[in-house]
Structure formats: C-alpha cells, structure tokens
C-alpha cells in the first residue's frame, strides 16, 4: 500500500462530512414523513403519492451513496485510486437530486398557480426547473464518463454551473412568487393573517436554505475544481428539497394540550389547493 499524500483530506474529508449530513437529514425526513402519515390520511392522492415517491427515492439515494462510502472508508481505505473513483455518486448525486428537486419545484409551481391564478410565475418556475434538470443530468453523465474526482472540476464546469445556477434561480423565483401572492392575500382578520404569515415565513426560510446551499455548492465547485469540498453541500441538496416539502406539508399540524396532535382547521383533510381560500373565508376574526 503506497503512502497517502497529505492533501488526501481534500478528497476524503468532504466525503465523510457529506455522508454524515446525508444520513442525518434522511433521519429528519423519516420523522417528517411519519408525522405526515399520522396527521393527514385524507389528503388528496396526488400529494400522498408525491410524499411516497420522495421518501422512496431518498431511501434509494442514501443506500446507493452508502455503497461508495463503504468502498472509500472500508476495503478501499488507504488506496488513492479508490478515493479518486467517482463510483455510483454520478447517479446518486446530481441525477437523483434532479429526480427529487423537479417534482418539488413543480409542486411549488402548482401552488403558485392556485394562489395567484397567473401563469407567468408558474411557467418561469417550470422552465428554470427543466433548465437545471438538463444541467444536472449533463453533470451526472459527464461525471460517469470521466470517472475520477480530480478530473471532474476541470472538465464539467459548464454543466455543473448550469445545474446549480438554474437550481438557485428557480428557488429564488419560487420564494419571491409565494411571498408576493401570499402577502397580497392578507385580510383584516388576525387569525387568517397568522396562518398566511406562517406559510410565508416557512416558504422564505426553506427557499433561502436550498438557494444558499446551491450557491455555496457552486462557489466551492468553481473555487476548488480539483478538490471535493463542493460535495458537502451537494450531497445534502436533495435531502433539503425533500425536507422543505415535508415542512410545508406538516405546517398544518399543531400540538394541543401538550400531547395530542391537532390541525390548523376543523377539517383534517385540508387540501392544499384550498388552503388560502380556507384561511381567507373560514376563520373568524379574533376578539
């Protein structure tokens, strides 16, 4: 076994941190999915199908990623050739992130249409989502062709930049559109406004998180093309999209009397295409 160079940590360190964060966020997603299963059994089938799809793909992504991490830190430990091998991460990274980010972004585009009844923001969201999907697939295919981490930065800057710039731009558009339409929907009712403010806050916070991670990923990718620093935010990106979706869906849950799970409305099947109408028309004014 040859002696490892001192800079080997630039390859192995980000892989280790990414694996820890990836599994940690999968645990959070598992809890979120279980809460959704308990809280909203009467949600419409399309949303429940989306939740099942997201969780199943995330579980597969975690397992596939673990196959490569096992090679890096198990039987391949100390082998510089193994450390530099991309393995299956070309698929479990950018390609599977696209498989998860696109449905979530399409969901938000539908929500924007329901709230605003204007086609412009939803169409722009779908276009940017497809744009970043093309860049992500291109990045994955190029990574599979190169096969080595040390070659990826110099040879895949264009597809990687398209993917991450498109991702950040799409998230910014979603955040601005949701903030604009929800803020415009405010009424004179304090209880109604409280629900809308909560949704606005969650939308801005989750959109800011995914946007920030995409920008950090791109910055590290361009600044350190020969190192694996960008893998830390890149590995977490799909889990952040999935958790953002579940946070917004589970925002309807509240704890009553310290133990029991309740809902923000008397109708426990609070469909998302009726949320704003319900908030604006059904809640009484506070005394």
Protein backbone atom coordinates (compact mmCIF):
# COMPACT_ATOMS: atom_id res chain seq x y z
CA UNK A 1 0.00 0.00 0.00
CA UNK A 2 1.53 3.33 -1.09
CA UNK A 3 1.87 6.24 1.32
CA UNK A 4 -1.03 8.67 1.08
CA UNK A 5 -0.29 12.30 0.21
CA UNK A 6 -1.02 14.96 2.88
CA UNK A 7 -3.72 16.56 0.70
CA UNK A 8 -5.78 13.35 0.71
CA UNK A 9 -8.09 15.01 3.22
CA UNK A 10 -9.35 17.21 0.37
CA UNK A 11 -10.84 14.07 -1.14
CA UNK A 12 -11.88 12.09 1.92
CA UNK A 13 -12.93 14.87 4.35
CA UNK A 14 -15.85 16.22 2.29
CA UNK A 15 -16.99 12.67 1.52
CA UNK A 16 -17.11 11.87 5.23
CA UNK A 17 -18.94 15.09 6.20
CA UNK A 18 -21.36 14.65 3.31
CA UNK A 19 -22.19 11.10 4.35
CA UNK A 20 -22.88 12.14 7.96
CA UNK A 21 -25.11 15.05 6.94
CA UNK A 22 -26.88 12.97 4.30
CA UNK A 23 -27.92 10.27 6.78
CA UNK A 24 -28.79 12.84 9.43
CA UNK A 25 -31.15 14.64 7.04
CA UNK A 26 -32.63 11.31 5.98
CA UNK A 27 -33.48 10.68 9.63
CA UNK A 28 -35.21 14.06 9.79
CA UNK A 29 -37.11 13.23 6.61
CA UNK A 30 -38.21 9.89 8.08
CA UNK A 31 -39.69 11.66 11.10
CA UNK A 32 -41.38 14.25 8.86
CA UNK A 33 -42.88 11.53 6.68
CA UNK A 34 -44.16 9.60 9.69
CA UNK A 35 -45.80 12.75 11.08
CA UNK A 36 -47.45 13.37 7.74
CA UNK A 37 -48.70 9.77 7.68
CA UNK A 38 -50.24 10.23 11.13
CA UNK A 39 -51.61 13.70 10.57
CA UNK A 40 -53.13 13.77 7.09
CA UNK A 41 -54.56 10.43 5.97
CA UNK A 42 -57.29 12.20 3.98
CA UNK A 43 -55.06 14.40 1.85
CA UNK A 44 -55.63 14.03 -1.86
CA UNK A 45 -53.92 11.09 -3.53
CA UNK A 46 -51.61 13.21 -5.71
CA UNK A 47 -49.92 14.77 -2.69
CA UNK A 48 -49.67 11.43 -0.86
CA UNK A 49 -48.15 9.88 -3.99
CA UNK A 50 -45.59 12.70 -4.13
CA UNK A 51 -44.65 12.10 -0.49
CA UNK A 52 -44.24 8.35 -1.07
CA UNK A 53 -42.17 8.96 -4.21
CA UNK A 54 -39.89 11.46 -2.48
CA UNK A 55 -39.26 9.21 0.50
CA UNK A 56 -38.66 6.11 -1.64
CA UNK A 57 -36.18 7.90 -3.90
CA UNK A 58 -34.39 9.41 -0.89
CA UNK A 59 -34.08 5.97 0.71
CA UNK A 60 -32.61 4.59 -2.53
CA UNK A 61 -30.26 7.58 -2.81
CA UNK A 62 -28.99 7.02 0.72
CA UNK A 63 -28.34 3.32 0.07
CA UNK A 64 -26.56 3.93 -3.25
CA UNK A 65 -24.41 6.65 -1.70
CA UNK A 66 -23.51 4.30 1.13
CA UNK A 67 -22.18 1.75 -1.39
CA UNK A 68 -19.48 4.20 -2.47
CA UNK A 69 -18.78 5.47 1.03
CA UNK A 70 -18.24 1.87 2.14
CA UNK A 71 -15.66 1.46 -0.59
CA UNK A 72 -13.89 4.69 0.37
CA UNK A 73 -13.75 4.09 4.12
CA UNK A 74 -13.92 0.28 4.19
CA UNK A 75 -12.00 -2.08 1.92
CA UNK A 76 -10.59 0.80 -0.15
CA UNK A 77 -9.19 2.72 2.81
CA UNK A 78 -5.66 3.90 2.11
CA UNK A 79 -5.92 3.35 -1.64
CA UNK A 80 -5.58 6.65 -3.50
CA UNK A 81 -7.09 5.12 -6.66
CA UNK A 82 -10.24 4.14 -4.75
CA UNK A 83 -10.52 7.59 -3.18
CA UNK A 84 -10.38 9.25 -6.60
CA UNK A 85 -13.01 6.95 -8.13
CA UNK A 86 -16.45 8.55 -8.58
CA UNK A 87 -18.24 5.21 -8.47
CA UNK A 88 -22.04 5.46 -8.34
CA UNK A 89 -22.06 9.00 -6.98
CA UNK A 90 -22.54 10.36 -10.51
CA UNK A 91 -26.06 8.87 -10.29
CA UNK A 92 -26.83 9.15 -6.56
CA UNK A 93 -25.56 12.75 -6.63
CA UNK A 94 -26.71 15.07 -9.44
CA UNK A 95 -29.09 12.70 -11.26
CA UNK A 96 -31.08 11.65 -8.18
CA UNK A 97 -31.07 15.22 -6.87
CA UNK A 98 -32.79 16.21 -10.12
CA UNK A 99 -35.30 13.38 -9.66
CA UNK A 100 -36.27 14.96 -6.33
CA UNK A 101 -35.87 18.69 -6.94
CA UNK A 102 -38.01 18.77 -10.11
CA UNK A 103 -41.17 17.27 -8.55
CA UNK A 104 -40.81 19.55 -5.53
CA UNK A 105 -40.36 22.62 -7.74
CA UNK A 106 -43.32 21.54 -9.89
CA UNK A 107 -45.37 21.24 -6.69
CA UNK A 108 -44.49 24.81 -5.77
CA UNK A 109 -45.31 25.96 -9.32
CA UNK A 110 -48.77 24.41 -8.91
CA UNK A 111 -49.17 26.11 -5.53
CA UNK A 112 -48.22 29.46 -7.07
CA UNK A 113 -50.83 28.93 -9.79
CA UNK A 114 -53.53 28.04 -7.25
CA UNK A 115 -52.78 31.08 -5.12
CA UNK A 116 -52.10 33.68 -7.80
CA UNK A 117 -54.12 32.41 -10.78
CA UNK A 118 -51.45 33.89 -13.03
CA UNK A 119 -49.42 31.74 -15.46
CA UNK A 120 -46.23 33.79 -15.51
CA UNK A 121 -44.51 32.73 -12.27
CA UNK A 122 -45.53 29.06 -12.63
CA UNK A 123 -44.27 28.94 -16.23
CA UNK A 124 -40.99 30.58 -15.25
CA UNK A 125 -40.60 28.13 -12.36
CA UNK A 126 -41.18 25.12 -14.62
CA UNK A 127 -38.77 26.47 -17.24
CA UNK A 128 -35.98 27.04 -14.70
CA UNK A 129 -36.66 23.63 -13.14
CA UNK A 130 -36.29 21.90 -16.51
CA UNK A 131 -33.21 24.03 -17.24
CA UNK A 132 -31.44 22.97 -14.07
CA UNK A 133 -32.59 19.37 -14.64
CA UNK A 134 -30.84 19.35 -18.01
CA UNK A 135 -27.69 20.69 -16.36
CA UNK A 136 -27.88 18.11 -13.58
CA UNK A 137 -28.29 15.18 -15.96
CA UNK A 138 -25.46 16.54 -18.10
CA UNK A 139 -23.27 16.81 -15.00
CA UNK A 140 -24.05 13.23 -13.99
CA UNK A 141 -23.34 11.85 -17.46
CA UNK A 142 -20.07 13.80 -17.69
CA UNK A 143 -19.02 12.57 -14.24
CA UNK A 144 -19.72 8.98 -15.28
CA UNK A 145 -17.62 9.45 -18.41
CA UNK A 146 -14.65 10.95 -16.52
CA UNK A 147 -14.82 8.55 -13.60
CA UNK A 148 -12.34 10.48 -11.38
CA UNK A 149 -12.93 13.29 -8.92
CA UNK A 150 -9.67 15.01 -9.85
CA UNK A 151 -10.85 15.32 -13.47
CA UNK A 152 -14.40 16.39 -12.73
CA UNK A 153 -13.74 20.01 -11.72
CA UNK A 154 -11.81 20.95 -14.82
CA UNK A 155 -13.97 19.05 -17.32
CA UNK A 156 -17.51 19.58 -16.03
CA UNK A 157 -17.66 23.26 -15.08
CA UNK A 158 -20.22 24.21 -17.71
CA UNK A 159 -22.86 21.51 -16.97
CA UNK A 160 -22.26 21.85 -13.22
CA UNK A 161 -22.70 25.62 -13.40
CA UNK A 162 -25.91 25.29 -15.44
CA UNK A 163 -27.30 22.85 -12.89
CA UNK A 164 -26.51 24.87 -9.77
CA UNK A 165 -27.26 28.33 -11.21
CA UNK A 166 -30.60 27.05 -12.51
CA UNK A 167 -31.37 25.49 -9.13
CA UNK A 168 -30.66 28.71 -7.24
CA UNK A 169 -32.61 30.82 -9.76
CA UNK A 170 -35.64 28.52 -9.58
CA UNK A 171 -35.66 28.64 -5.78
CA UNK A 172 -35.43 32.44 -5.81
CA UNK A 173 -38.39 32.69 -8.21
CA UNK A 174 -40.46 30.32 -6.05
CA UNK A 175 -39.67 32.28 -2.90
CA UNK A 176 -40.49 35.66 -4.45
CA UNK A 177 -43.73 34.41 -6.04
CA UNK A 178 -45.01 32.70 -2.90
CA UNK A 179 -44.13 35.74 -0.78
CA UNK A 180 -45.86 38.11 -3.20
CA UNK A 181 -49.10 36.20 -3.63
CA UNK A 182 -49.47 35.11 -0.01
CA UNK A 183 -48.71 38.61 1.26
CA UNK A 184 -51.30 40.00 -1.15
CA UNK A 185 -53.88 37.54 0.23
CA UNK A 186 -53.80 39.03 3.72
CA UNK A 187 -57.12 40.21 5.13
CA UNK A 188 -58.18 42.19 8.16
CA UNK A 189 -58.60 39.03 10.24
CA UNK A 190 -55.82 38.41 12.71
CA UNK A 191 -56.23 34.62 12.77
CA UNK A 192 -56.25 34.49 8.97
CA UNK A 193 -53.14 36.65 8.73
CA UNK A 194 -51.38 34.47 11.31
CA UNK A 195 -51.76 31.41 9.06
CA UNK A 196 -50.59 33.32 5.98
CA UNK A 197 -47.61 34.80 7.82
CA UNK A 198 -46.64 31.30 8.98
CA UNK A 199 -46.75 29.97 5.41
CA UNK A 200 -44.82 32.99 4.11
CA UNK A 201 -42.14 32.53 6.76
CA UNK A 202 -41.76 28.82 6.03
CA UNK A 203 -41.62 29.44 2.27
CA UNK A 204 -38.95 32.10 2.59
CA UNK A 205 -36.89 30.08 5.09
CA UNK A 206 -36.94 26.82 3.11
CA UNK A 207 -36.30 28.63 -0.18
CA UNK A 208 -33.41 30.52 1.38
CA UNK A 209 -31.84 27.29 2.65
CA UNK A 210 -31.94 25.47 -0.69
CA UNK A 211 -30.77 28.59 -2.54
CA UNK A 212 -27.89 29.11 -0.13
CA UNK A 213 -26.70 25.52 -0.40
CA UNK A 214 -26.85 25.66 -4.21
CA UNK A 215 -24.82 28.88 -4.26
CA UNK A 216 -22.27 27.52 -1.77
CA UNK A 217 -22.01 24.32 -3.81
CA UNK A 218 -21.38 26.30 -7.00
CA UNK A 219 -18.86 28.60 -5.31
CA UNK A 220 -16.83 25.72 -3.89
CA UNK A 221 -17.07 23.86 -7.19
CA UNK A 222 -15.62 26.81 -9.14
CA UNK A 223 -13.09 27.90 -6.49
CA UNK A 224 -11.67 24.42 -5.80
CA UNK A 225 -12.23 22.44 -9.03
CA UNK A 226 -9.70 19.72 -8.13
CA UNK A 227 -10.95 19.11 -4.60
CA UNK A 228 -14.12 17.59 -3.16
CA UNK A 229 -15.19 20.50 -0.95
CA UNK A 230 -18.32 21.04 -3.02
CA UNK A 231 -19.55 17.53 -2.18
CA UNK A 232 -20.59 18.60 1.34
CA UNK A 233 -23.46 20.88 0.20
CA UNK A 234 -24.05 18.85 -2.98
CA UNK A 235 -24.68 15.63 -1.04
CA UNK A 236 -27.28 17.38 1.14
CA UNK A 237 -29.13 19.20 -1.64
CA UNK A 238 -31.74 16.53 -2.42
CA UNK A 239 -32.49 15.98 1.28
CA UNK A 240 -33.02 19.72 1.73
CA UNK A 241 -35.61 19.78 -1.06
CA UNK A 242 -37.42 16.77 0.38
CA UNK A 243 -37.43 18.17 3.90
CA UNK A 244 -38.61 21.56 2.62
CA UNK A 245 -41.61 19.88 1.03
CA UNK A 246 -42.44 17.95 4.20
CA UNK A 247 -42.01 21.02 6.42
CA UNK A 248 -44.56 22.91 4.34
CA UNK A 249 -47.00 20.00 4.31
CA UNK A 250 -46.65 19.39 8.05
CA UNK A 251 -47.01 23.08 8.89
CA UNK A 252 -50.74 22.36 9.31
CA UNK A 253 -50.05 20.28 12.43
CA UNK A 254 -50.16 21.82 15.86
CA UNK A 255 -49.84 20.35 19.34
CA UNK A 256 -52.93 20.64 21.52
CA UNK A 257 -52.83 20.32 25.31
CA UNK A 258 -49.17 19.36 25.21
CA UNK A 259 -49.69 15.81 23.90
CA UNK A 260 -52.33 15.40 21.17
CA UNK A 261 -51.77 16.18 17.53
CA UNK A 262 -54.29 18.61 16.08
CA UNK A 263 -54.78 20.58 12.89
CA UNK A 264 -54.93 24.22 11.91
CA UNK A 265 -58.54 23.81 10.84
CA UNK A 266 -61.51 21.72 11.79
CA UNK A 267 -61.23 19.83 8.51
CA UNK A 268 -58.32 17.40 8.86
CA UNK A 269 -58.29 16.84 5.09
CA UNK A 270 -57.15 20.39 4.41
CA UNK A 271 -56.32 20.17 0.72
CA UNK A 272 -53.51 22.44 -0.42
CA UNK A 273 -55.43 23.94 -3.30
CA UNK A 274 -57.94 25.28 -0.75
CA UNK A 275 -55.54 26.46 1.91
CA UNK A 276 -55.59 30.18 1.17
CA UNK A 277 -59.32 30.19 0.40
CA UNK A 278 -59.91 28.36 3.67
CA UNK A 279 -57.78 30.85 5.57
CA UNK A 280 -59.46 33.83 3.97
CA UNK A 281 -63.05 32.67 4.17
CA UNK A 282 -63.45 30.20 7.05
CA UNK A 283 -61.64 31.63 10.05
CA UNK A 284 -63.47 34.05 12.33
CA UNK A 285 -61.97 37.35 13.42
CA UNK A 286 -60.19 37.37 16.76
CA UNK A 287 -61.87 39.37 19.51
